[in-house]
C-alpha atoms as a PDB file:
ATOM      1  CA  MET A   1       0.000   0.000   0.000  1.00  0.00           C
ATOM      2  CA  PHE A   2       1.193   3.532  -0.806  1.00  0.00           C
ATOM      3  CA  PHE A   3       1.823   5.830   2.170  1.00  0.00           C
ATOM      4  CA  PRO A   4       2.446   9.386   0.937  1.00  0.00           C
ATOM      5  CA  LYS A   5       5.210  11.604   2.317  1.00  0.00           C
ATOM      6  CA  VAL A   6       5.727  15.378   2.367  1.00  0.00           C
ATOM      7  CA  GLY A   7       7.436  16.514  -0.836  1.00  0.00           C
ATOM      8  CA  THR A   8       6.187  13.613  -2.953  1.00  0.00           C
ATOM      9  CA  ILE A   9       5.414  14.669  -6.538  1.00  0.00           C
ATOM     10  CA  LEU A  10       2.356  12.964  -8.027  1.00  0.00           C
ATOM     11  CA  GLN A  11       0.717  13.109 -11.431  1.00  0.00           C
ATOM     12  CA  SER A  12      -3.057  13.181 -11.565  1.00  0.00           C
ATOM     13  CA  GLY A  13      -4.731  10.331 -13.389  1.00  0.00           C
ATOM     14  CA  THR A  14      -7.478  12.634 -14.618  1.00  0.00           C
ATOM     15  CA  ASP A  15      -5.910  15.929 -15.718  1.00  0.00           C
ATOM     16  CA  ARG A  16      -2.237  14.822 -15.961  1.00  0.00           C
ATOM     17  CA  GLN A  17      -1.148  17.778 -13.774  1.00  0.00           C
ATOM     18  CA  LEU A  18       1.798  17.465 -11.363  1.00  0.00           C
ATOM     19  CA  TYR A  19       1.233  18.088  -7.655  1.00  0.00           C
ATOM     20  CA  CYS A  20       3.629  18.341  -4.701  1.00  0.00           C
ATOM     21  CA  LEU A  21       2.267  17.055  -1.378  1.00  0.00           C
ATOM     22  CA  GLU A  22       2.763  19.676   1.341  1.00  0.00           C
ATOM     23  CA  GLN A  23       0.946  18.444   4.440  1.00  0.00           C
ATOM     24  CA  PRO A  24      -1.639  15.862   5.444  1.00  0.00           C
ATOM     25  CA  ILE A  25      -5.110  17.200   6.177  1.00  0.00           C
ATOM     26  CA  GLY A  26      -6.829  13.971   7.170  1.00  0.00           C
ATOM     27  CA  GLU A  27      -7.098  10.218   6.789  1.00  0.00           C
ATOM     28  CA  GLY A  28     -10.097   7.944   6.651  1.00  0.00           C
ATOM     29  CA  GLU A  29     -10.919   4.349   5.898  1.00  0.00           C
ATOM     30  CA  GLN A  30     -10.831   4.908   2.120  1.00  0.00           C
ATOM     31  CA  GLY A  31      -7.864   7.239   1.768  1.00  0.00           C
ATOM     32  CA  PHE A  32      -5.800  10.297   2.629  1.00  0.00           C
ATOM     33  CA  VAL A  33      -6.473  14.002   2.064  1.00  0.00           C
ATOM     34  CA  TRP A  34      -3.456  16.232   1.497  1.00  0.00           C
ATOM     35  CA  GLN A  35      -2.792  19.906   0.980  1.00  0.00           C
ATOM     36  CA  ALA A  36      -0.829  20.032  -2.243  1.00  0.00           C
ATOM     37  CA  ARG A  37       0.540  22.579  -4.680  1.00  0.00           C
ATOM     38  CA  ARG A  38      -0.212  22.306  -8.393  1.00  0.00           C
ATOM     39  CA  LEU A  39       3.207  22.805  -9.986  1.00  0.00           C
ATOM     40  CA  GLU A  40       1.905  24.414 -13.186  1.00  0.00           C
ATOM     41  CA  ASP A  41       0.487  27.521 -11.501  1.00  0.00           C
ATOM     42  CA  GLU A  42       1.555  27.140  -7.826  1.00  0.00           C
ATOM     43  CA  SER A  43      -2.082  27.051  -6.633  1.00  0.00           C
ATOM     44  CA  LEU A  44      -2.979  25.267  -3.403  1.00  0.00           C
ATOM     45  CA  VAL A  45      -5.420  22.367  -3.698  1.00  0.00           C
ATOM     46  CA  ALA A  46      -6.691  19.470  -1.616  1.00  0.00           C
ATOM     47  CA  LEU A  47      -6.020  16.007  -3.033  1.00  0.00           C
ATOM     48  CA  LYS A  48      -7.749  12.797  -2.039  1.00  0.00           C
ATOM     49  CA  LEU A  49      -5.544   9.729  -2.423  1.00  0.00           C
ATOM     50  CA  VAL A  50      -7.534   6.496  -2.349  1.00  0.00           C
ATOM     51  CA  LYS A  51      -6.050   3.540  -0.453  1.00  0.00           C
ATOM     52  CA  ILE A  52      -5.644   0.552  -2.775  1.00  0.00           C
ATOM     53  CA  PRO A  53      -5.397  -2.837  -1.041  1.00  0.00           C
ATOM     54  CA  PRO A  54      -2.429  -4.999  -2.106  1.00  0.00           C
ATOM     55  CA  TYR A  55      -4.692  -7.941  -3.034  1.00  0.00           C
ATOM     56  CA  THR A  56      -6.439  -6.116  -5.894  1.00  0.00           C
ATOM     57  CA  THR A  57      -6.018  -7.375  -9.452  1.00  0.00           C
ATOM     58  CA  PRO A  58      -3.850  -5.409 -11.927  1.00  0.00           C
ATOM     59  CA  GLU A  59      -7.026  -4.225 -13.698  1.00  0.00           C
ATOM     60  CA  GLU A  60      -8.563  -2.990 -10.431  1.00  0.00           C
ATOM     61  CA  ARG A  61      -5.319  -1.216  -9.538  1.00  0.00           C
ATOM     62  CA  THR A  62      -5.190   0.505 -12.921  1.00  0.00           C
ATOM     63  CA  ARG A  63      -8.803   1.660 -12.582  1.00  0.00           C
ATOM     64  CA  ALA A  64      -8.167   2.934  -9.059  1.00  0.00           C
ATOM     65  CA  HIS A  65      -4.957   4.758 -10.045  1.00  0.00           C
ATOM     66  CA  LEU A  66      -6.664   6.496 -12.954  1.00  0.00           C
ATOM     67  CA  GLY A  67      -9.250   7.982 -10.649  1.00  0.00           C
ATOM     68  CA  GLN A  68      -7.095   8.128  -7.535  1.00  0.00           C
ATOM     69  CA  MET A  69      -6.562  11.854  -7.208  1.00  0.00           C
ATOM     70  CA  GLU A  70      -9.562  14.128  -7.011  1.00  0.00           C
ATOM     71  CA  GLU A  71      -9.009  17.832  -6.850  1.00  0.00           C
ATOM     72  CA  ALA A  72     -11.057  19.899  -4.414  1.00  0.00           C
ATOM     73  CA  LEU A  73     -10.923  23.588  -3.615  1.00  0.00           C
END
């Protein structure tokens, strides 16, 4: 399972933007919420990173990764 760290650079599966994780905001059963900075324009955003169990199939993992990061203002 992926456990994010401060300074990690991630690429969104939906808009292909790059984001730098700055600080955790919260964690729940389904995932993590982080304050992040969009590198293209330096704007602050909240990103939800969905927890993906290690026993998922490759197809399920791909589907989850594609929709993993959701941007919220």
